[in-house]
Amino acid sequence: MYAIVEIAGQQFKVAKDQKVYVHRLPETEGSTVTFDKVMLIDDNGNVTIGAPAIEGAGVTAKILGHLKGDKVIVFKKKRRKGYKKKNGHRQYLSEIQIESIAASGVKATKKAKAEPKVEAKEAPAKEANADNKELSSMTVAELKALAKERGITGYTSLKKAELIEALS
């Protein structure tokens, strides 16, 4: 049984108990991670292909260690011009070992936060000041005075005020 899975932006063909070097993962050494972007699973000739990923499928792996790859020398030269440049690079890697491949029953690792539902955005647009004027017909000076009156100093406080008005 093998699977093609996306790990840290790259696709790998993995099998159970295989060790793979991938770009550095943020988790600590010894921790277990689940990758849910599985593109293909082959279970003894029974191939399942996702579009783009298989829903509910997952690959579980254990992080064995963090290390640096071999040094790569980058040398640039332009002949007869006196231009030479030599740079080196060592990629940060994580060594993982694939523990299991599941075709279904894996829950998504990222949980979506429940956002408050805003029914209508017309409340701030039709909001009126003391003279019952619409915001679109107010001058810049009147808008600044209204914002100062309500304690709105920047973009974030404006968004908070819109959210509070929409919820009430």
N, C-alpha and C. Protein backbone atom coordinates (compact mmCIF):
# COMPACT_ATOMS: atom_id res chain seq x y z
N MET A 1 0.85 -1.18 0.00
CA MET A 1 0.00 0.00 0.00
C MET A 1 0.89 1.23 0.00
N TYR A 2 0.60 2.17 -0.89
CA TYR A 2 1.32 3.43 -0.91
C TYR A 2 0.35 4.57 -1.18
N ALA A 3 0.84 5.79 -0.94
CA ALA A 3 0.01 6.97 -1.15
C ALA A 3 0.88 8.10 -1.68
N ILE A 4 0.25 9.00 -2.41
CA ILE A 4 0.92 10.24 -2.82
C ILE A 4 0.29 11.34 -1.99
N VAL A 5 1.12 12.01 -1.19
CA VAL A 5 0.63 12.98 -0.22
C VAL A 5 1.43 14.26 -0.33
N GLU A 6 0.77 15.39 -0.05
CA GLU A 6 1.46 16.68 -0.05
C GLU A 6 1.92 16.99 1.37
N ILE A 7 3.24 17.16 1.50
CA ILE A 7 3.85 17.46 2.80
C ILE A 7 4.70 18.71 2.62
N ALA A 8 4.40 19.75 3.35
CA ALA A 8 5.16 21.00 3.34
C ALA A 8 5.35 21.55 1.93
N GLY A 9 4.27 21.49 1.12
CA GLY A 9 4.30 22.08 -0.20
C GLY A 9 4.86 21.20 -1.29
N GLN A 10 5.29 19.99 -0.98
CA GLN A 10 5.82 19.06 -1.98
C GLN A 10 5.05 17.76 -1.92
N GLN A 11 4.99 17.06 -3.05
CA GLN A 11 4.29 15.78 -3.11
C GLN A 11 5.30 14.64 -3.00
N PHE A 12 4.95 13.65 -2.17
CA PHE A 12 5.81 12.50 -1.94
C PHE A 12 5.01 11.22 -2.12
N LYS A 13 5.68 10.19 -2.66
CA LYS A 13 5.12 8.84 -2.71
C LYS A 13 5.63 8.14 -1.46
N VAL A 14 4.70 7.78 -0.56
CA VAL A 14 5.11 7.21 0.73
C VAL A 14 4.45 5.85 0.94
N ALA A 15 5.11 5.02 1.73
CA ALA A 15 4.58 3.72 2.14
C ALA A 15 4.79 3.59 3.64
N LYS A 16 4.13 2.61 4.26
CA LYS A 16 4.23 2.42 5.70
C LYS A 16 5.68 2.09 6.09
N ASP A 17 6.14 2.65 7.20
CA ASP A 17 7.48 2.47 7.77
C ASP A 17 8.59 3.06 6.91
N GLN A 18 8.27 3.94 5.98
CA GLN A 18 9.27 4.59 5.14
C GLN A 18 9.75 5.86 5.84
N LYS A 19 11.06 6.15 5.72
CA LYS A 19 11.62 7.39 6.25
C LYS A 19 11.77 8.38 5.10
N VAL A 20 11.32 9.62 5.34
CA VAL A 20 11.33 10.66 4.31
C VAL A 20 11.92 11.93 4.91
N TYR A 21 12.75 12.62 4.11
CA TYR A 21 13.26 13.94 4.49
C TYR A 21 12.39 14.99 3.80
N VAL A 22 11.76 15.87 4.58
CA VAL A 22 10.88 16.90 4.05
C VAL A 22 11.37 18.26 4.56
N HIS A 23 10.83 19.33 3.96
CA HIS A 23 11.16 20.66 4.46
C HIS A 23 10.77 20.74 5.93
N ARG A 24 11.46 21.59 6.68
CA ARG A 24 11.30 21.68 8.13
C ARG A 24 9.84 21.89 8.51
N LEU A 25 9.36 21.04 9.44
CA LEU A 25 8.00 21.13 9.97
C LEU A 25 8.04 21.88 11.30
N PRO A 26 6.99 22.63 11.65
CA PRO A 26 7.02 23.42 12.88
C PRO A 26 6.85 22.60 14.16
N GLU A 27 6.42 21.35 14.07
CA GLU A 27 6.20 20.52 15.26
C GLU A 27 7.53 20.08 15.85
N THR A 28 7.50 19.64 17.11
CA THR A 28 8.71 19.23 17.81
C THR A 28 9.08 17.79 17.47
N GLU A 29 10.32 17.44 17.78
CA GLU A 29 10.80 16.07 17.55
C GLU A 29 10.02 15.10 18.44
N GLY A 30 9.68 13.94 17.89
CA GLY A 30 8.94 12.93 18.64
C GLY A 30 7.44 13.07 18.55
N SER A 31 6.95 14.18 18.01
CA SER A 31 5.50 14.36 17.92
C SER A 31 4.95 13.66 16.68
N THR A 32 3.66 13.41 16.70
CA THR A 32 2.98 12.75 15.59
C THR A 32 2.17 13.78 14.82
N VAL A 33 2.27 13.74 13.49
CA VAL A 33 1.54 14.68 12.64
C VAL A 33 0.69 13.90 11.65
N THR A 34 -0.42 14.50 11.23
CA THR A 34 -1.31 13.90 10.25
C THR A 34 -1.40 14.81 9.05
N PHE A 35 -1.17 14.26 7.87
CA PHE A 35 -1.26 15.00 6.62
C PHE A 35 -2.55 14.57 5.94
N ASP A 36 -3.44 15.54 5.68
CA ASP A 36 -4.75 15.19 5.12
C ASP A 36 -4.87 15.52 3.64
N LYS A 37 -3.83 16.04 3.00
CA LYS A 37 -3.87 16.29 1.56
C LYS A 37 -3.31 15.06 0.84
N VAL A 38 -4.11 14.02 0.76
CA VAL A 38 -3.72 12.78 0.10
C VAL A 38 -4.30 12.82 -1.31
N MET A 39 -3.43 12.74 -2.32
CA MET A 39 -3.86 12.83 -3.72
C MET A 39 -4.25 11.48 -4.30
N LEU A 40 -3.57 10.40 -3.86
CA LEU A 40 -3.79 9.08 -4.44
C LEU A 40 -3.47 8.02 -3.40
N ILE A 41 -4.25 6.96 -3.39
CA ILE A 41 -3.97 5.81 -2.53
C ILE A 41 -4.07 4.56 -3.39
N ASP A 42 -3.05 3.70 -3.30
CA ASP A 42 -3.04 2.42 -4.00
C ASP A 42 -3.02 1.33 -2.94
N ASP A 43 -4.10 0.56 -2.87
CA ASP A 43 -4.22 -0.52 -1.90
C ASP A 43 -4.28 -1.85 -2.65
N ASN A 44 -3.09 -2.40 -2.99
CA ASN A 44 -2.96 -3.68 -3.71
C ASN A 44 -3.74 -3.68 -5.02
N GLY A 45 -3.53 -2.66 -5.83
CA GLY A 45 -4.18 -2.59 -7.12
C GLY A 45 -5.48 -1.80 -7.12
N ASN A 46 -6.06 -1.54 -5.97
CA ASN A 46 -7.28 -0.75 -5.86
C ASN A 46 -6.87 0.72 -5.71
N VAL A 47 -6.94 1.48 -6.80
CA VAL A 47 -6.44 2.86 -6.81
C VAL A 47 -7.59 3.83 -6.58
N THR A 48 -7.38 4.76 -5.63
CA THR A 48 -8.34 5.83 -5.36
C THR A 48 -7.64 7.16 -5.66
N ILE A 49 -8.25 7.95 -6.53
CA ILE A 49 -7.67 9.24 -6.92
C ILE A 49 -8.58 10.36 -6.43
N GLY A 50 -7.99 11.37 -5.84
CA GLY A 50 -8.75 12.51 -5.34
C GLY A 50 -8.83 13.62 -6.37
N ALA A 51 -9.75 14.54 -6.14
CA ALA A 51 -9.89 15.68 -7.03
C ALA A 51 -10.01 16.96 -6.22
N PRO A 52 -9.00 17.61 -5.77
CA PRO A 52 -7.59 17.27 -5.84
C PRO A 52 -7.14 16.34 -4.71
N ALA A 53 -7.88 16.30 -3.60
CA ALA A 53 -7.48 15.44 -2.48
C ALA A 53 -8.64 14.51 -2.14
N ILE A 54 -8.31 13.39 -1.50
CA ILE A 54 -9.31 12.41 -1.11
C ILE A 54 -9.90 12.84 0.24
N GLU A 55 -11.22 12.98 0.30
CA GLU A 55 -11.89 13.40 1.53
C GLU A 55 -11.77 12.30 2.58
N GLY A 56 -11.36 12.67 3.79
CA GLY A 56 -11.29 11.74 4.90
C GLY A 56 -10.03 10.90 4.95
N ALA A 57 -9.18 10.97 3.93
CA ALA A 57 -7.95 10.19 3.91
C ALA A 57 -6.85 10.94 4.65
N GLY A 58 -5.90 10.20 5.18
CA GLY A 58 -4.82 10.84 5.90
C GLY A 58 -3.62 9.93 6.04
N VAL A 59 -2.47 10.55 6.21
CA VAL A 59 -1.22 9.84 6.44
C VAL A 59 -0.67 10.33 7.77
N THR A 60 -0.39 9.39 8.67
CA THR A 60 0.13 9.73 9.99
C THR A 60 1.63 9.43 10.01
N ALA A 61 2.41 10.38 10.53
CA ALA A 61 3.85 10.22 10.56
C ALA A 61 4.39 10.72 11.90
N LYS A 62 5.56 10.20 12.25
CA LYS A 62 6.24 10.62 13.48
C LYS A 62 7.50 11.37 13.08
N ILE A 63 7.75 12.50 13.72
CA ILE A 63 8.94 13.30 13.42
C ILE A 63 10.11 12.71 14.20
N LEU A 64 11.11 12.21 13.47
CA LEU A 64 12.26 11.60 14.10
C LEU A 64 13.30 12.63 14.50
N GLY A 65 13.46 13.68 13.73
CA GLY A 65 14.45 14.70 14.07
C GLY A 65 14.47 15.83 13.07
N HIS A 66 15.09 16.94 13.51
CA HIS A 66 15.30 18.09 12.64
C HIS A 66 16.79 18.18 12.35
N LEU A 67 17.14 18.46 11.11
CA LEU A 67 18.54 18.51 10.72
C LEU A 67 18.72 19.45 9.55
N LYS A 68 19.96 19.61 9.11
CA LYS A 68 20.26 20.43 7.94
C LYS A 68 20.80 19.53 6.85
N GLY A 69 20.44 19.84 5.60
CA GLY A 69 20.88 19.04 4.46
C GLY A 69 22.33 19.31 4.11
N ASP A 70 22.81 18.66 3.06
CA ASP A 70 24.17 18.86 2.59
C ASP A 70 24.33 20.27 2.04
N LYS A 71 25.58 20.75 2.12
CA LYS A 71 25.85 22.09 1.62
C LYS A 71 25.88 22.08 0.10
N VAL A 72 25.20 23.07 -0.48
CA VAL A 72 25.18 23.25 -1.92
C VAL A 72 25.96 24.52 -2.21
N ILE A 73 26.97 24.43 -3.09
CA ILE A 73 27.78 25.59 -3.45
C ILE A 73 27.19 26.23 -4.71
N VAL A 74 26.96 27.54 -4.64
CA VAL A 74 26.48 28.29 -5.79
C VAL A 74 27.62 29.23 -6.19
N PHE A 75 28.20 28.98 -7.37
CA PHE A 75 29.34 29.78 -7.84
C PHE A 75 28.98 30.45 -9.15
N LYS A 76 29.14 31.76 -9.19
CA LYS A 76 28.85 32.54 -10.40
C LYS A 76 30.12 33.25 -10.84
N LYS A 77 30.35 33.25 -12.15
CA LYS A 77 31.55 33.90 -12.68
C LYS A 77 31.26 34.40 -14.08
N LYS A 78 31.79 35.58 -14.38
CA LYS A 78 31.76 36.12 -15.74
C LYS A 78 33.22 36.29 -16.16
N ARG A 79 33.61 35.58 -17.19
CA ARG A 79 35.02 35.61 -17.58
C ARG A 79 35.43 36.97 -18.11
N ARG A 80 36.66 37.30 -17.84
CA ARG A 80 37.31 38.55 -18.28
C ARG A 80 36.68 39.81 -17.68
N LYS A 81 35.80 39.66 -16.72
CA LYS A 81 35.15 40.83 -16.12
C LYS A 81 35.53 41.01 -14.65
N GLY A 82 36.21 40.03 -14.08
CA GLY A 82 36.59 40.12 -12.67
C GLY A 82 35.43 39.88 -11.73
N TYR A 83 34.38 39.25 -12.22
CA TYR A 83 33.19 38.99 -11.39
C TYR A 83 33.18 37.55 -10.94
N LYS A 84 33.25 37.33 -9.63
CA LYS A 84 33.13 36.00 -9.03
C LYS A 84 32.28 36.13 -7.79
N LYS A 85 31.38 35.19 -7.61
CA LYS A 85 30.54 35.19 -6.41
C LYS A 85 30.35 33.74 -5.97
N LYS A 86 30.62 33.46 -4.70
CA LYS A 86 30.50 32.10 -4.18
C LYS A 86 29.60 32.14 -2.95
N ASN A 87 28.51 31.38 -3.01
CA ASN A 87 27.57 31.28 -1.89
C ASN A 87 27.34 29.82 -1.58
N GLY A 88 27.00 29.54 -0.32
CA GLY A 88 26.64 28.20 0.10
C GLY A 88 25.26 28.21 0.71
N HIS A 89 24.61 27.04 0.69
CA HIS A 89 23.26 26.94 1.25
C HIS A 89 23.08 25.56 1.86
N ARG A 90 22.47 25.50 3.04
CA ARG A 90 22.09 24.24 3.67
C ARG A 90 20.62 24.32 4.01
N GLN A 91 19.83 23.42 3.44
CA GLN A 91 18.38 23.43 3.63
C GLN A 91 18.03 22.83 5.00
N TYR A 92 17.09 23.44 5.71
CA TYR A 92 16.57 22.90 6.96
C TYR A 92 15.57 21.80 6.63
N LEU A 93 15.76 20.62 7.21
CA LEU A 93 14.93 19.46 6.91
C LEU A 93 14.38 18.83 8.19
N SER A 94 13.34 18.04 8.02
CA SER A 94 12.81 17.20 9.09
C SER A 94 12.77 15.77 8.57
N GLU A 95 13.21 14.83 9.41
CA GLU A 95 13.13 13.42 9.04
C GLU A 95 11.87 12.85 9.69
N ILE A 96 10.99 12.28 8.86
CA ILE A 96 9.75 11.70 9.38
C ILE A 96 9.68 10.24 8.98
N GLN A 97 8.95 9.47 9.79
CA GLN A 97 8.70 8.07 9.48
C GLN A 97 7.19 7.88 9.38
N ILE A 98 6.75 7.30 8.26
CA ILE A 98 5.33 7.10 8.02
C ILE A 98 4.84 5.95 8.90
N GLU A 99 3.84 6.23 9.74
CA GLU A 99 3.30 5.21 10.63
C GLU A 99 2.10 4.50 10.05
N SER A 100 1.19 5.25 9.40
CA SER A 100 0.00 4.60 8.85
C SER A 100 -0.58 5.43 7.71
N ILE A 101 -1.30 4.72 6.83
CA ILE A 101 -2.02 5.36 5.73
C ILE A 101 -3.47 4.93 5.85
N ALA A 102 -4.36 5.91 6.02
CA ALA A 102 -5.78 5.61 6.18
C ALA A 102 -6.55 6.17 4.99
N ALA A 103 -7.39 5.34 4.39
CA ALA A 103 -8.17 5.77 3.23
C ALA A 103 -9.41 6.56 3.64
N SER A 104 -9.89 6.38 4.87
CA SER A 104 -11.06 7.11 5.33
C SER A 104 -11.03 7.19 6.85
N GLY A 105 -11.84 8.09 7.38
CA GLY A 105 -11.99 8.19 8.83
C GLY A 105 -11.02 9.12 9.51
N VAL A 106 -10.27 9.92 8.77
CA VAL A 106 -9.34 10.86 9.38
C VAL A 106 -10.00 12.22 9.42
N LYS A 107 -10.01 12.83 10.60
CA LYS A 107 -10.61 14.15 10.76
C LYS A 107 -9.61 15.21 10.32
N ALA A 108 -10.11 16.32 9.83
CA ALA A 108 -9.26 17.42 9.40
C ALA A 108 -8.55 18.02 10.61
N THR A 109 -7.27 18.36 10.46
CA THR A 109 -6.49 18.88 11.57
C THR A 109 -6.80 20.34 11.86
N LYS A 110 -7.16 21.11 10.84
CA LYS A 110 -7.47 22.52 11.02
C LYS A 110 -8.95 22.66 11.31
N LYS A 111 -9.27 23.30 12.42
CA LYS A 111 -10.67 23.52 12.77
C LYS A 111 -11.06 24.94 12.41
N ALA A 112 -12.14 25.07 11.72
CA ALA A 112 -12.63 26.39 11.33
C ALA A 112 -13.34 27.03 12.52
N LYS A 113 -13.01 28.29 12.77
CA LYS A 113 -13.66 29.01 13.86
C LYS A 113 -15.06 29.43 13.42
N ALA A 114 -15.99 29.33 14.34
CA ALA A 114 -17.36 29.75 14.04
C ALA A 114 -17.41 31.27 14.04
N GLU A 115 -17.70 31.84 12.90
CA GLU A 115 -17.77 33.29 12.78
C GLU A 115 -19.20 33.75 12.99
N PRO A 116 -19.38 34.90 13.64
CA PRO A 116 -20.75 35.39 13.82
C PRO A 116 -21.35 35.77 12.47
N LYS A 117 -22.59 35.40 12.28
CA LYS A 117 -23.26 35.69 11.01
C LYS A 117 -23.79 37.12 11.04
N VAL A 118 -23.44 37.86 10.03
CA VAL A 118 -23.92 39.22 9.87
C VAL A 118 -24.99 39.16 8.79
N GLU A 119 -26.23 39.48 9.18
CA GLU A 119 -27.34 39.31 8.25
C GLU A 119 -27.34 40.38 7.16
N ALA A 120 -27.14 41.64 7.53
CA ALA A 120 -27.20 42.69 6.52
C ALA A 120 -26.12 43.70 6.80
N LYS A 121 -25.39 44.08 5.77
CA LYS A 121 -24.36 45.09 5.91
C LYS A 121 -24.92 46.49 5.65
N GLU A 122 -26.25 46.62 5.50
CA GLU A 122 -26.85 47.91 5.19
C GLU A 122 -26.90 48.82 6.41
N ALA A 123 -26.79 48.29 7.60
CA ALA A 123 -26.88 49.10 8.81
C ALA A 123 -25.81 50.19 8.85
N PRO A 124 -24.50 49.91 8.62
CA PRO A 124 -23.52 50.99 8.64
C PRO A 124 -23.68 51.93 7.45
N ALA A 125 -24.11 51.41 6.30
CA ALA A 125 -24.22 52.26 5.12
C ALA A 125 -25.37 53.25 5.26
N LYS A 126 -26.47 52.85 5.91
CA LYS A 126 -27.62 53.74 6.04
C LYS A 126 -27.66 54.43 7.40
N GLU A 127 -26.58 54.29 8.14
CA GLU A 127 -26.50 54.92 9.45
C GLU A 127 -26.54 56.43 9.28
N ALA A 128 -27.26 57.10 10.12
CA ALA A 128 -27.38 58.55 9.99
C ALA A 128 -26.88 59.22 11.25
N ASN A 129 -26.43 60.47 11.09
CA ASN A 129 -26.01 61.24 12.26
C ASN A 129 -27.22 61.98 12.82
N ALA A 130 -27.00 63.02 13.62
CA ALA A 130 -28.09 63.73 14.28
C ALA A 130 -29.00 64.44 13.26
N ASP A 131 -28.47 64.83 12.12
CA ASP A 131 -29.26 65.52 11.11
C ASP A 131 -29.99 64.55 10.18
N ASN A 132 -29.93 63.23 10.43
CA ASN A 132 -30.55 62.18 9.61
C ASN A 132 -30.04 62.20 8.17
N LYS A 133 -28.75 62.45 7.97
CA LYS A 133 -28.13 62.39 6.65
C LYS A 133 -27.55 61.00 6.44
N GLU A 134 -27.55 60.53 5.21
CA GLU A 134 -26.90 59.26 4.90
C GLU A 134 -25.39 59.49 4.82
N LEU A 135 -24.63 58.45 5.10
CA LEU A 135 -23.18 58.58 5.08
C LEU A 135 -22.65 58.96 3.71
N SER A 136 -23.29 58.47 2.66
CA SER A 136 -22.80 58.77 1.32
C SER A 136 -22.95 60.24 0.95
N SER A 137 -23.89 60.95 1.60
CA SER A 137 -24.09 62.36 1.27
C SER A 137 -23.35 63.30 2.21
N MET A 138 -22.59 62.77 3.17
CA MET A 138 -21.87 63.60 4.14
C MET A 138 -20.54 64.05 3.56
N THR A 139 -20.06 65.20 4.03
CA THR A 139 -18.75 65.69 3.61
C THR A 139 -17.68 64.98 4.44
N VAL A 140 -16.44 65.15 4.01
CA VAL A 140 -15.32 64.51 4.70
C VAL A 140 -15.21 65.04 6.13
N ALA A 141 -15.39 66.32 6.32
CA ALA A 141 -15.29 66.91 7.66
C ALA A 141 -16.39 66.35 8.58
N GLU A 142 -17.61 66.20 8.03
CA GLU A 142 -18.69 65.63 8.85
C GLU A 142 -18.41 64.17 9.20
N LEU A 143 -17.85 63.42 8.25
CA LEU A 143 -17.50 62.02 8.53
C LEU A 143 -16.42 61.91 9.60
N LYS A 144 -15.41 62.79 9.54
CA LYS A 144 -14.35 62.79 10.55
C LYS A 144 -14.91 63.12 11.92
N ALA A 145 -15.82 64.09 11.98
CA ALA A 145 -16.43 64.47 13.26
C ALA A 145 -17.26 63.31 13.82
N LEU A 146 -18.01 62.63 12.95
CA LEU A 146 -18.81 61.48 13.39
C LEU A 146 -17.91 60.35 13.89
N ALA A 147 -16.81 60.10 13.21
CA ALA A 147 -15.88 59.05 13.64
C ALA A 147 -15.24 59.40 14.98
N LYS A 148 -14.87 60.68 15.15
CA LYS A 148 -14.26 61.11 16.41
C LYS A 148 -15.27 60.99 17.55
N GLU A 149 -16.52 61.32 17.27
CA GLU A 149 -17.58 61.24 18.26
C GLU A 149 -17.79 59.80 18.74
N ARG A 150 -17.65 58.86 17.83
CA ARG A 150 -17.85 57.44 18.18
C ARG A 150 -16.57 56.74 18.62
N GLY A 151 -15.45 57.44 18.66
CA GLY A 151 -14.20 56.85 19.13
C GLY A 151 -13.50 55.98 18.10
N ILE A 152 -13.73 56.22 16.82
CA ILE A 152 -13.10 55.45 15.75
C ILE A 152 -11.83 56.18 15.35
N THR A 153 -10.68 55.51 15.57
CA THR A 153 -9.40 56.15 15.27
C THR A 153 -8.70 55.52 14.08
N GLY A 154 -9.03 54.30 13.72
CA GLY A 154 -8.35 53.63 12.61
C GLY A 154 -9.23 52.54 12.03
N TYR A 155 -8.61 51.75 11.17
CA TYR A 155 -9.34 50.70 10.45
C TYR A 155 -9.86 49.62 11.41
N THR A 156 -9.06 49.19 12.38
CA THR A 156 -9.49 48.11 13.27
C THR A 156 -10.64 48.55 14.16
N SER A 157 -10.58 49.78 14.66
CA SER A 157 -11.69 50.25 15.50
C SER A 157 -12.95 50.45 14.66
N LEU A 158 -12.80 50.79 13.38
CA LEU A 158 -13.95 50.90 12.49
C LEU A 158 -14.59 49.53 12.28
N LYS A 159 -13.78 48.50 12.06
CA LYS A 159 -14.31 47.15 11.88
C LYS A 159 -15.00 46.65 13.15
N LYS A 160 -14.42 46.95 14.32
CA LYS A 160 -15.05 46.56 15.59
C LYS A 160 -16.40 47.25 15.75
N ALA A 161 -16.46 48.54 15.40
CA ALA A 161 -17.72 49.27 15.51
C ALA A 161 -18.76 48.71 14.55
N GLU A 162 -18.36 48.35 13.34
CA GLU A 162 -19.30 47.76 12.37
C GLU A 162 -19.81 46.41 12.88
N LEU A 163 -18.91 45.61 13.50
CA LEU A 163 -19.31 44.30 14.02
C LEU A 163 -20.28 44.45 15.18
N ILE A 164 -20.01 45.39 16.08
CA ILE A 164 -20.90 45.61 17.23
C ILE A 164 -22.27 46.09 16.75
N GLU A 165 -22.30 47.01 15.79
CA GLU A 165 -23.57 47.50 15.27
C GLU A 165 -24.34 46.42 14.54
N ALA A 166 -23.63 45.54 13.84
CA ALA A 166 -24.29 44.47 13.09
C ALA A 166 -24.88 43.43 14.04
N LEU A 167 -24.22 43.18 15.18
CA LEU A 167 -24.72 42.17 16.12
C LEU A 167 -25.88 42.71 16.96
N SER A 168 -25.98 44.04 17.11
CA SER A 168 -27.05 44.58 17.94
C SER A 168 -28.29 44.92 17.15
